[in-house]
Amino acid sequence: MSPRLNVLIRDLRSNYCKLLVLLKEIGELQKRVISFEIKLKDTIINKARYMAETIQTIEKN
């Protein structure tokens, strides 16, 4: 093979490895985002319940 082709193949392999690393990092970030979304949803639901209970208590009094 020509030297130029060898360089192109080496660069392609290097870029492929970098792409795999980035895809793995994206997967980890997606997991963290999903976890955060679940926690945020739970927090909002809990706050809404608390507010509803507070309103009911105020209305009773």
N, C-alpha and C. Protein backbone atom coordinates (compact mmCIF):
# COMPACT_ATOMS: atom_id res chain seq x y z
N MET A 1 0.84 -1.19 0.00
CA MET A 1 0.00 0.00 0.00
C MET A 1 0.88 1.25 0.00
N SER A 2 0.29 2.28 -0.51
CA SER A 2 1.04 3.53 -0.58
C SER A 2 1.10 4.19 0.80
N PRO A 3 2.12 4.98 1.05
CA PRO A 3 2.22 5.67 2.36
C PRO A 3 1.00 6.56 2.63
N ARG A 4 0.51 7.19 1.58
CA ARG A 4 -0.65 8.08 1.77
C ARG A 4 -1.87 7.28 2.22
N LEU A 5 -2.06 6.11 1.61
CA LEU A 5 -3.19 5.26 1.98
C LEU A 5 -3.03 4.76 3.41
N ASN A 6 -1.82 4.43 3.82
CA ASN A 6 -1.56 4.00 5.20
C ASN A 6 -1.93 5.10 6.19
N VAL A 7 -1.58 6.35 5.85
CA VAL A 7 -1.91 7.47 6.73
C VAL A 7 -3.42 7.64 6.82
N LEU A 8 -4.10 7.52 5.69
CA LEU A 8 -5.56 7.65 5.69
C LEU A 8 -6.22 6.56 6.54
N ILE A 9 -5.72 5.35 6.43
CA ILE A 9 -6.26 4.23 7.21
C ILE A 9 -6.01 4.46 8.69
N ARG A 10 -4.81 4.90 9.04
CA ARG A 10 -4.48 5.19 10.44
C ARG A 10 -5.40 6.27 11.00
N ASP A 11 -5.59 7.34 10.22
CA ASP A 11 -6.46 8.43 10.66
C ASP A 11 -7.90 7.96 10.82
N LEU A 12 -8.34 7.12 9.91
CA LEU A 12 -9.70 6.59 9.98
C LEU A 12 -9.88 5.74 11.25
N ARG A 13 -8.92 4.90 11.55
CA ARG A 13 -8.99 4.09 12.77
C ARG A 13 -9.01 4.98 14.02
N SER A 14 -8.16 6.00 14.01
CA SER A 14 -8.10 6.91 15.15
C SER A 14 -9.43 7.63 15.33
N ASN A 15 -9.99 8.13 14.25
CA ASN A 15 -11.27 8.83 14.34
C ASN A 15 -12.39 7.88 14.77
N TYR A 16 -12.34 6.64 14.32
CA TYR A 16 -13.34 5.65 14.71
C TYR A 16 -13.27 5.40 16.22
N CYS A 17 -12.07 5.28 16.74
CA CYS A 17 -11.91 5.08 18.19
C CYS A 17 -12.42 6.29 18.97
N LYS A 18 -12.14 7.48 18.49
CA LYS A 18 -12.64 8.69 19.14
C LYS A 18 -14.16 8.71 19.11
N LEU A 19 -14.74 8.30 18.00
CA LEU A 19 -16.20 8.25 17.87
C LEU A 19 -16.80 7.28 18.88
N LEU A 20 -16.19 6.13 19.04
CA LEU A 20 -16.69 5.15 20.01
C LEU A 20 -16.66 5.71 21.44
N VAL A 21 -15.57 6.40 21.77
CA VAL A 21 -15.46 7.02 23.09
C VAL A 21 -16.56 8.06 23.28
N LEU A 22 -16.77 8.90 22.27
CA LEU A 22 -17.82 9.92 22.36
C LEU A 22 -19.20 9.30 22.49
N LEU A 23 -19.46 8.24 21.76
CA LEU A 23 -20.76 7.57 21.86
C LEU A 23 -20.98 6.99 23.25
N LYS A 24 -19.92 6.45 23.84
CA LYS A 24 -20.03 5.93 25.21
C LYS A 24 -20.33 7.07 26.18
N GLU A 25 -19.63 8.20 26.02
CA GLU A 25 -19.87 9.35 26.89
C GLU A 25 -21.29 9.89 26.72
N ILE A 26 -21.80 9.91 25.50
CA ILE A 26 -23.17 10.36 25.25
C ILE A 26 -24.15 9.43 25.96
N GLY A 27 -23.90 8.14 25.90
CA GLY A 27 -24.77 7.18 26.59
C GLY A 27 -24.80 7.42 28.08
N GLU A 28 -23.64 7.70 28.67
CA GLU A 28 -23.57 7.99 30.10
C GLU A 28 -24.32 9.28 30.44
N LEU A 29 -24.16 10.29 29.59
CA LEU A 29 -24.86 11.55 29.81
C LEU A 29 -26.38 11.36 29.71
N GLN A 30 -26.81 10.54 28.76
CA GLN A 30 -28.25 10.27 28.62
C GLN A 30 -28.80 9.62 29.88
N LYS A 31 -28.05 8.69 30.46
CA LYS A 31 -28.48 8.04 31.70
C LYS A 31 -28.62 9.07 32.83
N ARG A 32 -27.64 9.99 32.91
CA ARG A 32 -27.68 11.01 33.95
C ARG A 32 -28.85 11.96 33.75
N VAL A 33 -29.13 12.31 32.50
CA VAL A 33 -30.26 13.21 32.21
C VAL A 33 -31.57 12.53 32.58
N ILE A 34 -31.72 11.27 32.23
CA ILE A 34 -32.95 10.55 32.56
C ILE A 34 -33.12 10.47 34.07
N SER A 35 -32.05 10.19 34.78
CA SER A 35 -32.11 10.13 36.24
C SER A 35 -32.52 11.48 36.81
N PHE A 36 -31.95 12.56 36.28
CA PHE A 36 -32.29 13.90 36.74
C PHE A 36 -33.76 14.20 36.45
N GLU A 37 -34.23 13.83 35.26
CA GLU A 37 -35.63 14.08 34.91
C GLU A 37 -36.58 13.37 35.86
N ILE A 38 -36.23 12.14 36.22
CA ILE A 38 -37.08 11.38 37.14
C ILE A 38 -37.11 12.06 38.51
N LYS A 39 -35.94 12.47 39.00
CA LYS A 39 -35.88 13.15 40.30
C LYS A 39 -36.65 14.46 40.26
N LEU A 40 -36.51 15.20 39.18
CA LEU A 40 -37.22 16.47 39.05
C LEU A 40 -38.73 16.25 39.02
N LYS A 41 -39.17 15.25 38.28
CA LYS A 41 -40.60 14.94 38.22
C LYS A 41 -41.13 14.57 39.60
N ASP A 42 -40.39 13.74 40.32
CA ASP A 42 -40.80 13.35 41.67
C ASP A 42 -40.87 14.57 42.59
N THR A 43 -39.89 15.47 42.47
CA THR A 43 -39.89 16.68 43.29
C THR A 43 -41.10 17.54 43.00
N ILE A 44 -41.41 17.71 41.73
CA ILE A 44 -42.57 18.53 41.34
C ILE A 44 -43.86 17.91 41.86
N ILE A 45 -43.98 16.60 41.73
CA ILE A 45 -45.19 15.91 42.23
C ILE A 45 -45.31 16.07 43.73
N ASN A 46 -44.22 15.90 44.45
CA ASN A 46 -44.25 16.05 45.91
C ASN A 46 -44.61 17.47 46.32
N LYS A 47 -44.06 18.46 45.62
CA LYS A 47 -44.38 19.86 45.94
C LYS A 47 -45.86 20.14 45.66
N ALA A 48 -46.38 19.59 44.57
CA ALA A 48 -47.79 19.80 44.24
C ALA A 48 -48.69 19.17 45.29
N ARG A 49 -48.33 17.98 45.74
CA ARG A 49 -49.11 17.33 46.81
C ARG A 49 -49.11 18.16 48.08
N TYR A 50 -47.93 18.64 48.44
CA TYR A 50 -47.80 19.46 49.64
C TYR A 50 -48.65 20.73 49.52
N MET A 51 -48.60 21.37 48.37
CA MET A 51 -49.38 22.59 48.16
C MET A 51 -50.87 22.29 48.23
N ALA A 52 -51.29 21.16 47.64
CA ALA A 52 -52.71 20.79 47.67
C ALA A 52 -53.16 20.53 49.11
N GLU A 53 -52.33 19.82 49.87
CA GLU A 53 -52.67 19.56 51.29
C GLU A 53 -52.73 20.86 52.07
N THR A 54 -51.81 21.77 51.81
CA THR A 54 -51.81 23.06 52.50
C THR A 54 -53.07 23.85 52.17
N ILE A 55 -53.46 23.86 50.91
CA ILE A 55 -54.67 24.58 50.50
C ILE A 55 -55.90 23.97 51.16
N GLN A 56 -55.95 22.64 51.21
CA GLN A 56 -57.09 21.97 51.85
C GLN A 56 -57.16 22.32 53.34
N THR A 57 -56.01 22.35 53.98
CA THR A 57 -55.97 22.69 55.40
C THR A 57 -56.45 24.12 55.62
N ILE A 58 -56.00 25.02 54.79
CA ILE A 58 -56.42 26.43 54.91
C ILE A 58 -57.92 26.56 54.67
N GLU A 59 -58.43 25.85 53.67
CA GLU A 59 -59.86 25.94 53.36
C GLU A 59 -60.72 25.38 54.49
N LYS A 60 -60.23 24.35 55.18
CA LYS A 60 -60.98 23.76 56.30
C LYS A 60 -61.06 24.73 57.46
N ASN A 61 -60.02 25.50 57.66
CA ASN A 61 -59.97 26.44 58.79
C ASN A 61 -60.62 27.70 58.36
